[in-house]
Amino acid sequence: MHVTKEGQQVVEAEILAQGMKSCGLRFLGFRRGTGIPPYLAGTVTSRRTDEGRRDRTAPLDAPDRVARANAGWFELATETGLFSDDRRFLLAVNVPRPGAVDDTDVEAVWSLVELLEDWDIMGAGCEAGITGSRHGFPAFVMSALDGSVFVQGTVWQDGIGTAVLPAPHRVESLRETARLNVGKPYRSAAENADTLAWLER
């Protein structure tokens, strides 16, 4: 689910909004220039527990794995401060890079979303292609509005679940990843600007 061309942005945003609504999220528009690089938030599962990473998982073979993974996501998100007072947070979506020649040349951009009362991140969200690849197989990247916590959903060898990293700007290995990405040809100007701003924290 992504914006394909600038001229189709309104239509694609409407499709994105419908997909999000189906899993209990209200789409409130794209957010660029946040100073929070989405690609960095997508490396939470590469961090160590002694760096502050926390996980909640459910076994792949558990009949209730989606419900358990949903509960784990919500508990971790609440405990670590993903949600603003009005239950808003940032969710990464893929959009074409400037000058992209095909659908594979994409970059992650934040969308501002609000969590509704009736939601299903690990089931319906994955099935809609919003938070994963298919029902019960999460692959998402989230951030608090101020970047104070990164959240990643993933599938491990024997389970599914959520990993969170509070205070990511204080994690030296993540800062080193950011420094190594500055100026690389595979990073857009917007990504570089966000990375440099993040390193100033």
N, C-alpha and C. Protein backbone atom coordinates (compact mmCIF):
# COMPACT_ATOMS: atom_id res chain seq x y z
N MET A 1 0.85 -1.18 0.00
CA MET A 1 0.00 0.00 0.00
C MET A 1 0.88 1.23 0.00
N HIS A 2 0.95 1.94 -1.12
CA HIS A 2 1.81 3.10 -1.15
C HIS A 2 1.39 4.07 -2.24
N VAL A 3 1.86 5.29 -2.13
CA VAL A 3 1.61 6.30 -3.14
C VAL A 3 2.50 6.00 -4.32
N THR A 4 1.96 5.98 -5.53
CA THR A 4 2.75 5.59 -6.68
C THR A 4 3.28 6.78 -7.47
N LYS A 5 2.50 7.82 -7.62
CA LYS A 5 2.94 8.99 -8.37
C LYS A 5 2.35 10.23 -7.72
N GLU A 6 3.04 11.34 -7.86
CA GLU A 6 2.57 12.56 -7.22
C GLU A 6 1.17 12.90 -7.68
N GLY A 7 0.87 12.68 -8.96
CA GLY A 7 -0.44 13.00 -9.48
C GLY A 7 -1.55 12.12 -8.94
N GLN A 8 -1.17 10.97 -8.36
CA GLN A 8 -2.16 10.05 -7.81
C GLN A 8 -2.19 10.08 -6.29
N GLN A 9 -1.52 11.05 -5.72
CA GLN A 9 -1.34 11.04 -4.27
C GLN A 9 -2.66 11.09 -3.51
N VAL A 10 -3.60 11.91 -3.96
CA VAL A 10 -4.87 12.02 -3.25
C VAL A 10 -5.62 10.70 -3.30
N VAL A 11 -5.69 10.09 -4.50
CA VAL A 11 -6.38 8.82 -4.65
C VAL A 11 -5.74 7.75 -3.79
N GLU A 12 -4.39 7.65 -3.85
CA GLU A 12 -3.69 6.63 -3.09
C GLU A 12 -3.84 6.87 -1.59
N ALA A 13 -3.85 8.13 -1.17
CA ALA A 13 -4.05 8.43 0.24
C ALA A 13 -5.42 7.95 0.70
N GLU A 14 -6.43 8.06 -0.16
CA GLU A 14 -7.76 7.58 0.18
C GLU A 14 -7.76 6.06 0.32
N ILE A 15 -7.04 5.37 -0.57
CA ILE A 15 -6.95 3.91 -0.48
C ILE A 15 -6.23 3.52 0.81
N LEU A 16 -5.16 4.24 1.11
CA LEU A 16 -4.41 3.98 2.34
C LEU A 16 -5.30 4.19 3.56
N ALA A 17 -6.08 5.26 3.54
CA ALA A 17 -6.98 5.56 4.65
C ALA A 17 -8.00 4.45 4.84
N GLN A 18 -8.54 3.91 3.74
CA GLN A 18 -9.50 2.82 3.84
C GLN A 18 -8.87 1.56 4.41
N GLY A 19 -7.64 1.26 3.96
CA GLY A 19 -6.95 0.10 4.48
C GLY A 19 -6.68 0.22 5.97
N MET A 20 -6.29 1.41 6.39
CA MET A 20 -6.02 1.63 7.81
C MET A 20 -7.29 1.53 8.63
N LYS A 21 -8.37 2.08 8.09
CA LYS A 21 -9.65 2.04 8.82
C LYS A 21 -10.08 0.60 9.07
N SER A 22 -9.76 -0.29 8.13
CA SER A 22 -10.17 -1.69 8.27
C SER A 22 -9.50 -2.39 9.44
N CYS A 23 -8.38 -1.83 9.91
CA CYS A 23 -7.69 -2.45 11.05
C CYS A 23 -7.69 -1.57 12.29
N GLY A 24 -8.51 -0.51 12.27
CA GLY A 24 -8.66 0.30 13.47
C GLY A 24 -7.71 1.46 13.60
N LEU A 25 -7.24 1.99 12.47
CA LEU A 25 -6.37 3.16 12.48
C LEU A 25 -7.01 4.28 11.66
N ARG A 26 -6.92 5.50 12.13
CA ARG A 26 -7.37 6.66 11.35
C ARG A 26 -6.14 7.33 10.74
N PHE A 27 -6.13 7.41 9.41
CA PHE A 27 -5.01 8.02 8.68
C PHE A 27 -5.20 9.53 8.67
N LEU A 28 -4.18 10.25 9.16
CA LEU A 28 -4.27 11.71 9.29
C LEU A 28 -3.27 12.44 8.39
N GLY A 29 -2.70 11.71 7.43
CA GLY A 29 -1.80 12.34 6.47
C GLY A 29 -0.36 11.95 6.65
N PHE A 30 0.44 12.28 5.64
CA PHE A 30 1.88 12.00 5.69
C PHE A 30 2.60 13.08 6.49
N ARG A 31 3.69 12.70 7.12
CA ARG A 31 4.50 13.63 7.90
C ARG A 31 5.96 13.51 7.46
N ARG A 32 6.44 14.55 6.81
CA ARG A 32 7.84 14.58 6.37
C ARG A 32 8.61 15.60 7.21
N GLY A 33 9.91 15.49 7.18
CA GLY A 33 10.73 16.45 7.91
C GLY A 33 10.56 16.37 9.41
N THR A 34 10.33 15.17 9.92
CA THR A 34 10.11 14.99 11.36
C THR A 34 11.41 14.98 12.16
N GLY A 35 12.54 14.77 11.48
CA GLY A 35 13.79 14.59 12.20
C GLY A 35 13.89 13.20 12.84
N ILE A 36 13.03 12.29 12.40
CA ILE A 36 13.00 10.91 12.90
C ILE A 36 13.09 9.99 11.69
N PRO A 37 14.26 9.45 11.38
CA PRO A 37 14.39 8.62 10.17
C PRO A 37 13.66 7.28 10.30
N PRO A 38 12.69 7.01 9.45
CA PRO A 38 11.98 5.73 9.53
C PRO A 38 12.90 4.52 9.38
N TYR A 39 13.95 4.64 8.54
CA TYR A 39 14.82 3.47 8.35
C TYR A 39 15.54 3.11 9.64
N LEU A 40 15.84 4.09 10.48
CA LEU A 40 16.48 3.80 11.76
C LEU A 40 15.51 3.06 12.69
N ALA A 41 14.25 3.50 12.68
CA ALA A 41 13.25 2.84 13.51
C ALA A 41 13.05 1.40 13.07
N GLY A 42 13.39 1.11 11.82
CA GLY A 42 13.26 -0.24 11.30
C GLY A 42 14.41 -1.17 11.66
N THR A 43 15.28 -0.74 12.57
CA THR A 43 16.41 -1.59 12.98
C THR A 43 16.32 -2.00 14.45
N VAL A 44 15.14 -1.83 15.05
CA VAL A 44 14.99 -2.17 16.46
C VAL A 44 15.37 -3.62 16.74
N THR A 45 14.97 -4.53 15.85
CA THR A 45 15.25 -5.95 16.10
C THR A 45 16.74 -6.27 16.00
N SER A 46 17.54 -5.32 15.54
CA SER A 46 19.00 -5.52 15.49
C SER A 46 19.68 -5.03 16.77
N ARG A 47 18.92 -4.40 17.65
CA ARG A 47 19.50 -3.92 18.91
C ARG A 47 19.47 -5.02 19.96
N ARG A 48 20.27 -4.84 21.01
CA ARG A 48 20.38 -5.85 22.06
C ARG A 48 19.52 -5.48 23.27
N THR A 49 19.24 -6.47 24.09
CA THR A 49 18.44 -6.20 25.28
C THR A 49 19.18 -5.28 26.24
N ASP A 50 20.53 -5.35 26.28
CA ASP A 50 21.26 -4.47 27.18
C ASP A 50 21.32 -3.03 26.66
N GLU A 51 20.79 -2.81 25.46
CA GLU A 51 20.66 -1.45 24.92
C GLU A 51 19.25 -0.90 25.17
N GLY A 52 18.42 -1.70 25.82
CA GLY A 52 17.08 -1.25 26.17
C GLY A 52 15.96 -1.91 25.39
N ARG A 53 16.29 -2.76 24.44
CA ARG A 53 15.25 -3.41 23.64
C ARG A 53 14.42 -4.34 24.50
N ARG A 54 13.11 -4.32 24.25
CA ARG A 54 12.16 -5.20 24.94
C ARG A 54 11.27 -5.86 23.90
N ASP A 55 10.95 -7.13 24.11
CA ASP A 55 10.15 -7.90 23.16
C ASP A 55 8.93 -8.50 23.82
N ARG A 56 7.90 -8.70 23.01
CA ARG A 56 6.76 -9.53 23.38
C ARG A 56 6.46 -10.41 22.17
N THR A 57 6.39 -11.71 22.38
CA THR A 57 6.20 -12.63 21.26
C THR A 57 5.08 -13.62 21.54
N ALA A 58 4.61 -14.22 20.46
CA ALA A 58 3.63 -15.30 20.54
C ALA A 58 4.10 -16.41 19.60
N PRO A 59 4.05 -17.67 20.02
CA PRO A 59 4.52 -18.77 19.17
C PRO A 59 3.75 -18.85 17.86
N LEU A 60 4.47 -19.15 16.78
CA LEU A 60 3.83 -19.27 15.47
C LEU A 60 2.76 -20.35 15.45
N ASP A 61 2.94 -21.40 16.23
CA ASP A 61 1.99 -22.51 16.21
C ASP A 61 0.85 -22.36 17.21
N ALA A 62 0.80 -21.21 17.91
CA ALA A 62 -0.28 -21.00 18.88
C ALA A 62 -1.56 -20.60 18.15
N PRO A 63 -2.68 -21.27 18.40
CA PRO A 63 -3.93 -20.93 17.73
C PRO A 63 -4.37 -19.49 17.97
N ASP A 64 -4.00 -18.95 19.13
CA ASP A 64 -4.40 -17.58 19.48
C ASP A 64 -3.25 -16.59 19.32
N ARG A 65 -2.30 -16.89 18.41
CA ARG A 65 -1.10 -16.05 18.30
C ARG A 65 -1.42 -14.60 17.92
N VAL A 66 -2.43 -14.38 17.07
CA VAL A 66 -2.76 -13.01 16.67
C VAL A 66 -3.27 -12.22 17.87
N ALA A 67 -4.17 -12.82 18.63
CA ALA A 67 -4.68 -12.14 19.82
C ALA A 67 -3.57 -11.87 20.82
N ARG A 68 -2.69 -12.83 21.02
CA ARG A 68 -1.59 -12.66 21.97
C ARG A 68 -0.60 -11.61 21.48
N ALA A 69 -0.33 -11.61 20.17
CA ALA A 69 0.59 -10.61 19.62
C ALA A 69 -0.01 -9.21 19.67
N ASN A 70 -1.31 -9.10 19.44
CA ASN A 70 -1.99 -7.81 19.57
C ASN A 70 -1.87 -7.29 21.00
N ALA A 71 -2.13 -8.18 21.96
CA ALA A 71 -2.05 -7.79 23.37
C ALA A 71 -0.64 -7.36 23.73
N GLY A 72 0.36 -8.10 23.25
CA GLY A 72 1.75 -7.76 23.53
C GLY A 72 2.13 -6.41 22.94
N TRP A 73 1.69 -6.15 21.70
CA TRP A 73 1.96 -4.86 21.06
C TRP A 73 1.36 -3.73 21.87
N PHE A 74 0.11 -3.86 22.26
CA PHE A 74 -0.56 -2.78 22.98
C PHE A 74 0.06 -2.55 24.35
N GLU A 75 0.40 -3.61 25.04
CA GLU A 75 1.03 -3.47 26.35
C GLU A 75 2.36 -2.76 26.26
N LEU A 76 3.22 -3.20 25.33
CA LEU A 76 4.52 -2.56 25.17
C LEU A 76 4.37 -1.11 24.72
N ALA A 77 3.47 -0.87 23.76
CA ALA A 77 3.26 0.49 23.25
C ALA A 77 2.81 1.42 24.36
N THR A 78 1.92 0.92 25.22
CA THR A 78 1.41 1.73 26.32
C THR A 78 2.49 1.96 27.37
N GLU A 79 3.20 0.91 27.73
CA GLU A 79 4.23 1.00 28.77
C GLU A 79 5.37 1.93 28.37
N THR A 80 5.72 1.95 27.10
CA THR A 80 6.89 2.72 26.66
C THR A 80 6.55 4.09 26.08
N GLY A 81 5.26 4.41 25.97
CA GLY A 81 4.88 5.76 25.56
C GLY A 81 4.78 5.98 24.06
N LEU A 82 4.38 4.94 23.31
CA LEU A 82 4.20 5.14 21.87
C LEU A 82 3.07 6.12 21.58
N PHE A 83 1.98 6.04 22.33
CA PHE A 83 0.80 6.83 22.04
C PHE A 83 0.86 8.22 22.67
N SER A 84 0.38 9.21 21.93
CA SER A 84 0.17 10.54 22.50
C SER A 84 -1.12 10.49 23.33
N ASP A 85 -1.48 11.61 23.95
CA ASP A 85 -2.69 11.64 24.77
C ASP A 85 -3.94 11.31 23.96
N ASP A 86 -3.91 11.64 22.65
CA ASP A 86 -5.06 11.33 21.80
C ASP A 86 -4.83 10.06 20.96
N ARG A 87 -3.93 9.19 21.46
CA ARG A 87 -3.66 7.87 20.86
C ARG A 87 -3.10 7.96 19.45
N ARG A 88 -2.30 8.97 19.21
CA ARG A 88 -1.68 9.13 17.90
C ARG A 88 -0.21 8.69 17.94
N PHE A 89 0.27 8.23 16.79
CA PHE A 89 1.67 7.84 16.65
C PHE A 89 2.02 7.84 15.17
N LEU A 90 3.27 7.55 14.85
CA LEU A 90 3.74 7.52 13.48
C LEU A 90 3.88 6.07 13.02
N LEU A 91 3.41 5.80 11.80
CA LEU A 91 3.51 4.48 11.18
C LEU A 91 4.16 4.65 9.82
N ALA A 92 5.23 3.91 9.56
CA ALA A 92 5.95 4.04 8.28
C ALA A 92 5.18 3.36 7.15
N VAL A 93 5.12 4.05 6.01
CA VAL A 93 4.57 3.46 4.79
C VAL A 93 5.58 3.71 3.67
N ASN A 94 5.57 2.85 2.66
CA ASN A 94 6.52 2.99 1.55
C ASN A 94 5.94 3.85 0.43
N VAL A 95 6.73 4.82 -0.02
CA VAL A 95 6.36 5.67 -1.15
C VAL A 95 7.54 5.71 -2.13
N PRO A 96 7.29 6.00 -3.40
CA PRO A 96 8.40 6.06 -4.37
C PRO A 96 9.39 7.16 -4.04
N ARG A 97 10.65 6.89 -4.27
CA ARG A 97 11.66 7.93 -4.14
C ARG A 97 11.48 8.95 -5.26
N PRO A 98 11.95 10.18 -5.08
CA PRO A 98 11.90 11.16 -6.16
C PRO A 98 12.59 10.62 -7.41
N GLY A 99 11.90 10.67 -8.55
CA GLY A 99 12.47 10.18 -9.80
C GLY A 99 12.46 8.68 -9.94
N ALA A 100 11.70 7.99 -9.11
CA ALA A 100 11.65 6.52 -9.18
C ALA A 100 11.16 6.07 -10.55
N VAL A 101 11.78 5.01 -11.07
CA VAL A 101 11.42 4.49 -12.40
C VAL A 101 10.50 3.27 -12.32
N ASP A 102 10.42 2.64 -11.14
CA ASP A 102 9.51 1.51 -10.98
C ASP A 102 9.07 1.41 -9.53
N ASP A 103 8.17 0.46 -9.27
CA ASP A 103 7.57 0.33 -7.94
C ASP A 103 8.52 -0.21 -6.88
N THR A 104 9.70 -0.66 -7.28
CA THR A 104 10.64 -1.20 -6.29
C THR A 104 11.52 -0.12 -5.67
N ASP A 105 11.56 1.06 -6.28
CA ASP A 105 12.42 2.14 -5.79
C ASP A 105 11.63 2.99 -4.81
N VAL A 106 11.57 2.54 -3.56
CA VAL A 106 10.73 3.21 -2.57
C VAL A 106 11.54 3.62 -1.34
N GLU A 107 10.95 4.52 -0.58
CA GLU A 107 11.51 4.89 0.71
C GLU A 107 10.37 4.93 1.72
N ALA A 108 10.71 4.77 2.97
CA ALA A 108 9.70 4.81 4.04
C ALA A 108 9.44 6.26 4.44
N VAL A 109 8.17 6.59 4.56
CA VAL A 109 7.72 7.91 4.99
C VAL A 109 6.73 7.71 6.12
N TRP A 110 6.78 8.61 7.10
CA TRP A 110 5.85 8.49 8.22
C TRP A 110 4.44 8.91 7.81
N SER A 111 3.46 8.17 8.30
CA SER A 111 2.07 8.60 8.26
C SER A 111 1.63 8.81 9.71
N LEU A 112 0.85 9.85 9.92
CA LEU A 112 0.30 10.11 11.25
C LEU A 112 -1.00 9.34 11.37
N VAL A 113 -1.11 8.53 12.41
CA VAL A 113 -2.31 7.71 12.58
C VAL A 113 -2.83 7.84 14.01
N GLU A 114 -4.08 7.52 14.15
CA GLU A 114 -4.74 7.53 15.46
C GLU A 114 -5.34 6.15 15.69
N LEU A 115 -5.09 5.60 16.85
CA LEU A 115 -5.63 4.27 17.19
C LEU A 115 -7.07 4.40 17.62
N LEU A 116 -7.97 3.70 16.93
CA LEU A 116 -9.39 3.73 17.26
C LEU A 116 -9.69 2.69 18.34
N GLU A 117 -10.93 2.65 18.77
CA GLU A 117 -11.28 1.73 19.86
C GLU A 117 -11.23 0.28 19.43
N ASP A 118 -11.66 0.01 18.23
CA ASP A 118 -11.71 -1.37 17.72
C ASP A 118 -10.58 -1.56 16.71
N TRP A 119 -9.51 -2.24 17.09
CA TRP A 119 -8.34 -2.35 16.23
C TRP A 119 -7.83 -3.79 16.19
N ASP A 120 -7.06 -4.07 15.15
CA ASP A 120 -6.45 -5.40 14.99
C ASP A 120 -5.17 -5.22 14.16
N ILE A 121 -4.09 -4.90 14.82
CA ILE A 121 -2.81 -4.62 14.15
C ILE A 121 -2.21 -5.89 13.55
N MET A 122 -2.23 -6.97 14.30
CA MET A 122 -1.55 -8.20 13.88
C MET A 122 -2.36 -9.08 12.92
N GLY A 123 -3.66 -8.86 12.89
CA GLY A 123 -4.51 -9.66 12.02
C GLY A 123 -4.97 -8.90 10.80
N ALA A 124 -6.01 -8.09 10.97
CA ALA A 124 -6.57 -7.33 9.85
C ALA A 124 -5.57 -6.35 9.25
N GLY A 125 -4.74 -5.75 10.09
CA GLY A 125 -3.74 -4.79 9.59
C GLY A 125 -2.74 -5.45 8.67
N CYS A 126 -2.30 -6.65 9.04
CA CYS A 126 -1.37 -7.39 8.20
C CYS A 126 -2.06 -7.86 6.92
N GLU A 127 -3.29 -8.31 7.06
CA GLU A 127 -4.04 -8.79 5.90
C GLU A 127 -4.27 -7.69 4.88
N ALA A 128 -4.44 -6.45 5.35
CA ALA A 128 -4.66 -5.30 4.46
C ALA A 128 -3.36 -4.77 3.87
N GLY A 129 -2.22 -5.32 4.30
CA GLY A 129 -0.94 -4.84 3.81
C GLY A 129 -0.48 -3.56 4.48
N ILE A 130 -1.12 -3.20 5.58
CA ILE A 130 -0.78 -1.98 6.30
C ILE A 130 0.33 -2.23 7.32
N THR A 131 0.21 -3.31 8.07
CA THR A 131 1.17 -3.61 9.13
C THR A 131 1.87 -4.95 8.94
N GLY A 132 1.72 -5.54 7.76
CA GLY A 132 2.38 -6.82 7.51
C GLY A 132 2.11 -7.33 6.12
N SER A 133 2.49 -8.59 5.91
CA SER A 133 2.38 -9.18 4.58
C SER A 133 1.12 -10.01 4.39
N ARG A 134 0.66 -10.65 5.45
CA ARG A 134 -0.60 -11.39 5.43
C ARG A 134 -1.04 -11.60 6.86
N HIS A 135 -2.26 -12.06 7.04
CA HIS A 135 -2.86 -12.20 8.36
C HIS A 135 -1.93 -12.94 9.31
N GLY A 136 -1.59 -12.26 10.41
CA GLY A 136 -0.75 -12.89 11.42
C GLY A 136 0.74 -12.86 11.15
N PHE A 137 1.16 -12.08 10.13
CA PHE A 137 2.58 -11.99 9.80
C PHE A 137 2.99 -10.50 9.77
N PRO A 138 3.31 -9.94 10.94
CA PRO A 138 3.58 -8.50 11.03
C PRO A 138 4.92 -8.09 10.43
N ALA A 139 4.94 -6.88 9.91
CA ALA A 139 6.17 -6.24 9.42
C ALA A 139 5.90 -4.75 9.41
N PHE A 140 6.02 -4.12 10.58
CA PHE A 140 5.72 -2.70 10.67
C PHE A 140 6.79 -1.95 11.46
N VAL A 141 6.81 -0.63 11.23
CA VAL A 141 7.74 0.26 11.91
C VAL A 141 6.94 1.46 12.42
N MET A 142 7.09 1.76 13.71
CA MET A 142 6.34 2.84 14.34
C MET A 142 7.26 3.70 15.19
N SER A 143 6.79 4.90 15.50
CA SER A 143 7.53 5.80 16.38
C SER A 143 6.53 6.66 17.15
N ALA A 144 6.91 7.02 18.37
CA ALA A 144 6.17 8.07 19.07
C ALA A 144 6.33 9.37 18.29
N LEU A 145 5.41 10.29 18.44
CA LEU A 145 5.45 11.54 17.69
C LEU A 145 6.74 12.32 17.92
N ASP A 146 7.31 12.20 19.12
CA ASP A 146 8.56 12.91 19.43
C ASP A 146 9.80 12.03 19.25
N GLY A 147 9.62 10.81 18.73
CA GLY A 147 10.76 9.92 18.52
C GLY A 147 11.32 9.31 19.78
N SER A 148 10.57 9.36 20.87
CA SER A 148 11.09 8.87 22.15
C SER A 148 11.07 7.36 22.28
N VAL A 149 10.38 6.68 21.37
CA VAL A 149 10.38 5.21 21.36
C VAL A 149 10.14 4.75 19.93
N PHE A 150 10.88 3.72 19.53
CA PHE A 150 10.70 3.06 18.24
C PHE A 150 10.06 1.69 18.49
N VAL A 151 9.17 1.28 17.59
CA VAL A 151 8.46 0.02 17.73
C VAL A 151 8.51 -0.72 16.40
N GLN A 152 8.84 -2.00 16.43
CA GLN A 152 8.92 -2.78 15.21
C GLN A 152 8.19 -4.11 15.40
N GLY A 153 7.36 -4.46 14.41
CA GLY A 153 6.69 -5.76 14.42
C GLY A 153 7.36 -6.66 13.41
N THR A 154 7.54 -7.92 13.76
CA THR A 154 8.27 -8.82 12.87
C THR A 154 7.87 -10.27 13.11
N VAL A 155 8.35 -11.12 12.20
CA VAL A 155 8.18 -12.56 12.33
C VAL A 155 9.54 -13.17 12.60
N TRP A 156 9.65 -13.88 13.71
CA TRP A 156 10.88 -14.60 14.03
C TRP A 156 10.76 -16.04 13.54
N GLN A 157 11.79 -16.82 13.75
CA GLN A 157 11.78 -18.20 13.27
C GLN A 157 10.64 -19.01 13.86
N ASP A 158 10.34 -18.76 15.13
CA ASP A 158 9.31 -19.57 15.80
C ASP A 158 8.19 -18.75 16.40
N GLY A 159 8.10 -17.45 16.06
CA GLY A 159 7.05 -16.64 16.65
C GLY A 159 6.86 -15.32 15.93
N ILE A 160 5.86 -14.59 16.36
CA ILE A 160 5.61 -13.24 15.86
C ILE A 160 5.52 -12.31 17.05
N GLY A 161 5.69 -11.02 16.80
CA GLY A 161 5.56 -10.11 17.92
C GLY A 161 6.13 -8.74 17.68
N THR A 162 6.43 -8.08 18.79
CA THR A 162 6.81 -6.68 18.80
C THR A 162 8.11 -6.49 19.57
N ALA A 163 8.97 -5.63 19.02
CA ALA A 163 10.18 -5.21 19.73
C ALA A 163 10.13 -3.69 19.86
N VAL A 164 10.49 -3.18 21.03
CA VAL A 164 10.49 -1.74 21.24
C VAL A 164 11.86 -1.29 21.72
N LEU A 165 12.18 -0.03 21.44
CA LEU A 165 13.44 0.56 21.88
C LEU A 165 13.16 1.95 22.42
N PRO A 166 13.07 2.10 23.73
CA PRO A 166 12.88 3.42 24.32
C PRO A 166 14.16 4.26 24.19
N ALA A 167 13.99 5.58 24.15
CA ALA A 167 15.11 6.52 24.06
C ALA A 167 16.14 6.09 23.02
N PRO A 168 15.74 5.88 21.78
CA PRO A 168 16.66 5.36 20.76
C PRO A 168 17.84 6.28 20.48
N HIS A 169 17.67 7.58 20.68
CA HIS A 169 18.76 8.52 20.40
C HIS A 169 19.93 8.35 21.37
N ARG A 170 19.72 7.61 22.43
CA ARG A 170 20.79 7.37 23.41
C ARG A 170 21.52 6.06 23.18
N VAL A 171 21.10 5.31 22.18
CA VAL A 171 21.70 4.00 21.90
C VAL A 171 22.85 4.20 20.91
N GLU A 172 24.07 3.96 21.37
CA GLU A 172 25.26 4.28 20.57
C GLU A 172 25.32 3.49 19.27
N SER A 173 24.94 2.22 19.30
CA SER A 173 25.00 1.44 18.06
C SER A 173 24.04 1.99 17.01
N LEU A 174 22.91 2.54 17.45
CA LEU A 174 21.96 3.13 16.52
C LEU A 174 22.49 4.45 15.98
N ARG A 175 23.15 5.21 16.83
CA ARG A 175 23.76 6.46 16.38
C ARG A 175 24.87 6.19 15.36
N GLU A 176 25.60 5.11 15.57
CA GLU A 176 26.64 4.74 14.61
C GLU A 176 26.02 4.35 13.27
N THR A 177 24.91 3.62 13.32
CA THR A 177 24.19 3.29 12.08
C THR A 177 23.77 4.55 11.36
N ALA A 178 23.27 5.52 12.10
CA ALA A 178 22.86 6.79 11.50
C ALA A 178 24.03 7.50 10.85
N ARG A 179 25.16 7.56 11.56
CA ARG A 179 26.34 8.25 11.01
C ARG A 179 26.82 7.58 9.73
N LEU A 180 26.76 6.25 9.69
CA LEU A 180 27.21 5.52 8.51
C LEU A 180 26.30 5.72 7.30
N ASN A 181 25.05 6.13 7.55
CA ASN A 181 24.09 6.32 6.46
C ASN A 181 24.11 7.71 5.87
N VAL A 182 24.67 8.67 6.58
CA VAL A 182 24.66 10.06 6.09
C VAL A 182 25.42 10.16 4.78
N GLY A 183 24.75 10.74 3.78
CA GLY A 183 25.41 10.99 2.50
C GLY A 183 25.50 9.81 1.56
N LYS A 184 24.99 8.68 1.97
CA LYS A 184 25.05 7.50 1.09
C LYS A 184 24.10 7.70 -0.10
N PRO A 185 24.48 7.18 -1.28
CA PRO A 185 23.66 7.38 -2.48
C PRO A 185 22.27 6.74 -2.39
N TYR A 186 22.12 5.75 -1.54
CA TYR A 186 20.82 5.11 -1.39
C TYR A 186 19.92 5.85 -0.40
N ARG A 187 20.39 6.95 0.16
CA ARG A 187 19.57 7.77 1.05
C ARG A 187 19.16 9.04 0.33
N SER A 188 17.88 9.38 0.41
CA SER A 188 17.37 10.58 -0.24
C SER A 188 17.80 11.82 0.55
N ALA A 189 17.60 12.97 -0.06
CA ALA A 189 17.92 14.24 0.62
C ALA A 189 17.09 14.37 1.89
N ALA A 190 15.82 13.94 1.83
CA ALA A 190 14.96 14.01 3.01
C ALA A 190 15.46 13.09 4.11
N GLU A 191 15.89 11.89 3.74
CA GLU A 191 16.42 10.97 4.73
C GLU A 191 17.70 11.51 5.36
N ASN A 192 18.55 12.10 4.55
CA ASN A 192 19.78 12.70 5.09
C ASN A 192 19.46 13.83 6.06
N ALA A 193 18.50 14.67 5.70
CA ALA A 193 18.13 15.79 6.57
C ALA A 193 17.58 15.27 7.90
N ASP A 194 16.72 14.26 7.84
CA ASP A 194 16.17 13.69 9.07
C ASP A 194 17.26 13.05 9.92
N THR A 195 18.20 12.37 9.27
CA THR A 195 19.29 11.71 9.99
C THR A 195 20.17 12.72 10.70
N LEU A 196 20.54 13.79 10.02
CA LEU A 196 21.37 14.82 10.64
C LEU A 196 20.64 15.49 11.81
N ALA A 197 19.35 15.73 11.64
CA ALA A 197 18.57 16.32 12.73
C ALA A 197 18.50 15.37 13.92
N TRP A 198 18.33 14.08 13.64
CA TRP A 198 18.25 13.09 14.71
C TRP A 198 19.57 13.00 15.47
N LEU A 199 20.68 13.09 14.75
CA LEU A 199 21.99 13.01 15.40
C LEU A 199 22.28 14.22 16.30
N GLU A 200 21.51 15.27 16.14
CA GLU A 200 21.67 16.45 17.00
C GLU A 200 20.98 16.29 18.34
N ARG A 201 20.22 15.22 18.51
CA ARG A 201 19.50 15.02 19.78
C ARG A 201 20.47 14.76 20.92
